[in-house]
Amino acid sequence: MAEPFATIEDLVKHWPDIPEELRDVAETKLDEASIIVRGLYPGVDERISTGKLDADVVKLVVCQMVATTLKREIEAGAGDDVSQQTFTAGLYSQSLSFRAREATLFLTKLHRQLLGGGGNRNRKAFMIIPGR
């Protein structure tokens, strides 16, 4: 199995306030995030070794993926599940929307652009003329 792109020490540099009790989980998540990056970008190791992609970029992406996931887990554990709430006084109404508690690893649009895939590069504008 290949080495993770980032270590717990790298993550601590990006997120110095990481709770001590999450460090073991963070190490596992760093490994999982690296697997996800390798799965979505199969040539990433080769691109790093040939200098076509900076290893620090991949390290940053993996650390941000893990930090975002663990921060969401902390928020969910603190009972911050409500994403939207509405109250009405006349005839008593209340509405609550809850966010998903599962904190999964994911790549943002910026991450995909940094790793060399996605973003708006491949999109082209087009026009539809009705009635033709």
Protein backbone atom coordinates (compact mmCIF):
# COMPACT_ATOMS: atom_id res chain seq x y z
CA MET A 1 0.00 0.00 0.00
CA ALA A 2 1.29 3.44 -0.91
CA GLU A 3 2.20 6.02 1.70
CA PRO A 4 -0.37 8.73 2.48
CA PHE A 5 0.32 12.09 0.87
CA ALA A 6 0.23 13.80 4.28
CA THR A 7 1.12 12.88 7.86
CA ILE A 8 -0.49 13.87 11.13
CA GLU A 9 2.33 16.42 11.56
CA ASP A 10 1.37 18.00 8.22
CA LEU A 11 -2.26 18.17 9.32
CA VAL A 12 -1.28 19.83 12.61
CA LYS A 13 0.55 22.54 10.62
CA HIS A 14 -2.70 23.26 8.74
CA TRP A 15 -4.96 22.83 11.77
CA PRO A 16 -3.02 23.50 14.99
CA ASP A 17 -6.15 23.28 17.16
CA ILE A 18 -6.96 19.69 16.23
CA PRO A 19 -8.31 17.96 19.35
CA GLU A 20 -5.93 15.38 20.78
CA GLU A 21 -8.65 12.70 20.85
CA LEU A 22 -9.10 13.01 17.06
CA ARG A 23 -5.49 12.39 16.09
CA ASP A 24 -5.90 8.62 15.61
CA VAL A 25 -9.00 9.18 13.51
CA ALA A 26 -7.15 11.90 11.59
CA GLU A 27 -4.36 9.48 10.67
CA THR A 28 -6.90 7.04 9.28
CA LYS A 29 -8.66 9.84 7.39
CA LEU A 30 -5.34 11.00 5.91
CA ASP A 31 -4.83 7.51 4.54
CA GLU A 32 -8.42 7.38 3.22
CA ALA A 33 -8.11 10.82 1.59
CA SER A 34 -4.90 9.70 -0.13
CA ILE A 35 -6.67 6.59 -1.44
CA ILE A 36 -9.49 8.77 -2.79
CA VAL A 37 -7.03 11.11 -4.54
CA ARG A 38 -5.18 8.14 -6.07
CA GLY A 39 -8.47 6.57 -7.14
CA LEU A 40 -9.74 9.71 -8.85
CA TYR A 41 -6.35 10.74 -10.25
CA PRO A 42 -4.53 7.46 -11.07
CA GLY A 43 -1.35 9.11 -12.38
CA VAL A 44 -0.88 11.45 -9.44
CA ASP A 45 2.18 9.65 -8.03
CA GLU A 46 3.88 9.66 -11.43
CA ARG A 47 3.05 13.34 -11.94
CA ILE A 48 4.63 14.12 -8.58
CA SER A 49 7.78 12.09 -9.32
CA THR A 50 8.23 13.74 -12.74
CA GLY A 51 7.68 17.23 -11.34
CA LYS A 52 4.46 17.88 -13.24
CA LEU A 53 2.59 18.22 -9.94
CA ASP A 54 3.98 19.65 -6.72
CA ALA A 55 3.77 17.20 -3.81
CA ASP A 56 2.89 20.12 -1.51
CA VAL A 57 -0.27 20.73 -3.54
CA VAL A 58 -1.45 17.17 -2.98
CA LYS A 59 -0.48 17.39 0.69
CA LEU A 60 -2.55 20.58 1.03
CA VAL A 61 -5.57 18.99 -0.65
CA VAL A 62 -5.43 15.90 1.58
CA CYS A 63 -5.00 17.98 4.76
CA GLN A 64 -7.90 20.24 3.82
CA MET A 65 -10.12 17.25 3.04
CA VAL A 66 -9.42 15.72 6.46
CA ALA A 67 -9.68 18.97 8.40
CA THR A 68 -13.02 19.82 6.79
CA THR A 69 -14.38 16.36 7.52
CA LEU A 70 -13.27 16.31 11.14
CA LYS A 71 -14.53 19.84 11.77
CA ARG A 72 -17.94 18.79 10.43
CA GLU A 73 -17.85 15.78 12.73
CA ILE A 74 -17.11 18.05 15.69
CA GLU A 75 -19.96 20.39 14.75
CA ALA A 76 -22.35 17.46 14.37
CA GLY A 77 -21.26 16.10 17.73
CA ALA A 78 -21.94 19.48 19.32
CA GLY A 79 -25.59 19.22 18.28
CA ASP A 80 -25.26 21.71 15.44
CA ASP A 81 -27.46 19.64 13.10
CA VAL A 82 -29.98 22.32 12.18
CA SER A 83 -29.24 23.90 8.81
CA GLN A 84 -32.40 26.03 8.63
CA GLN A 85 -35.19 26.95 11.01
CA THR A 86 -38.37 28.97 10.65
CA PHE A 87 -40.75 30.16 13.37
CA THR A 88 -44.14 31.78 12.93
CA ALA A 89 -46.10 33.29 15.82
CA GLY A 90 -49.58 33.54 14.29
CA LEU A 91 -51.29 30.13 14.47
CA TYR A 92 -48.09 28.50 15.68
CA SER A 93 -45.76 27.21 13.02
CA GLN A 94 -42.25 25.83 13.29
CA SER A 95 -40.01 24.31 10.65
CA LEU A 96 -36.57 22.78 11.06
CA SER A 97 -34.25 21.36 8.40
CA PHE A 98 -31.39 19.14 9.49
CA ARG A 99 -28.07 18.64 7.78
CA ALA A 100 -26.60 15.19 7.28
CA ARG A 101 -24.44 14.08 10.21
CA GLU A 102 -22.19 11.84 8.18
CA ALA A 103 -18.89 13.59 7.68
CA THR A 104 -17.42 12.12 4.51
CA LEU A 105 -14.23 13.00 2.70
CA PHE A 106 -14.74 14.99 -0.48
CA LEU A 107 -12.86 17.10 -3.00
CA THR A 108 -13.98 20.66 -3.58
CA LYS A 109 -13.93 22.36 -6.96
CA LEU A 110 -10.69 24.10 -5.97
CA HIS A 111 -9.12 20.76 -5.01
CA ARG A 112 -10.03 19.29 -8.39
CA GLN A 113 -8.50 22.30 -10.14
CA LEU A 114 -5.31 22.01 -8.07
CA LEU A 115 -5.01 18.32 -8.90
CA GLY A 116 -5.48 19.04 -12.58
CA GLY A 117 -9.02 18.01 -13.32
CA GLY A 118 -12.36 19.71 -13.46
CA GLY A 119 -13.17 23.29 -12.83
CA ASN A 120 -14.48 25.39 -15.69
CA ARG A 121 -11.68 24.56 -18.12
CA ASN A 122 -13.63 21.97 -20.10
CA ARG A 123 -16.92 23.81 -20.24
CA LYS A 124 -17.90 25.70 -23.35
CA ALA A 125 -20.64 28.27 -23.78
CA PHE A 126 -23.45 27.48 -26.16
CA MET A 127 -26.66 29.08 -27.31
CA ILE A 128 -30.09 27.59 -27.92
CA ILE A 129 -32.29 29.39 -30.39
CA PRO A 130 -35.95 28.43 -29.78
CA GLY A 131 -38.12 27.62 -32.77
CA ARG A 132 -35.42 26.36 -35.09
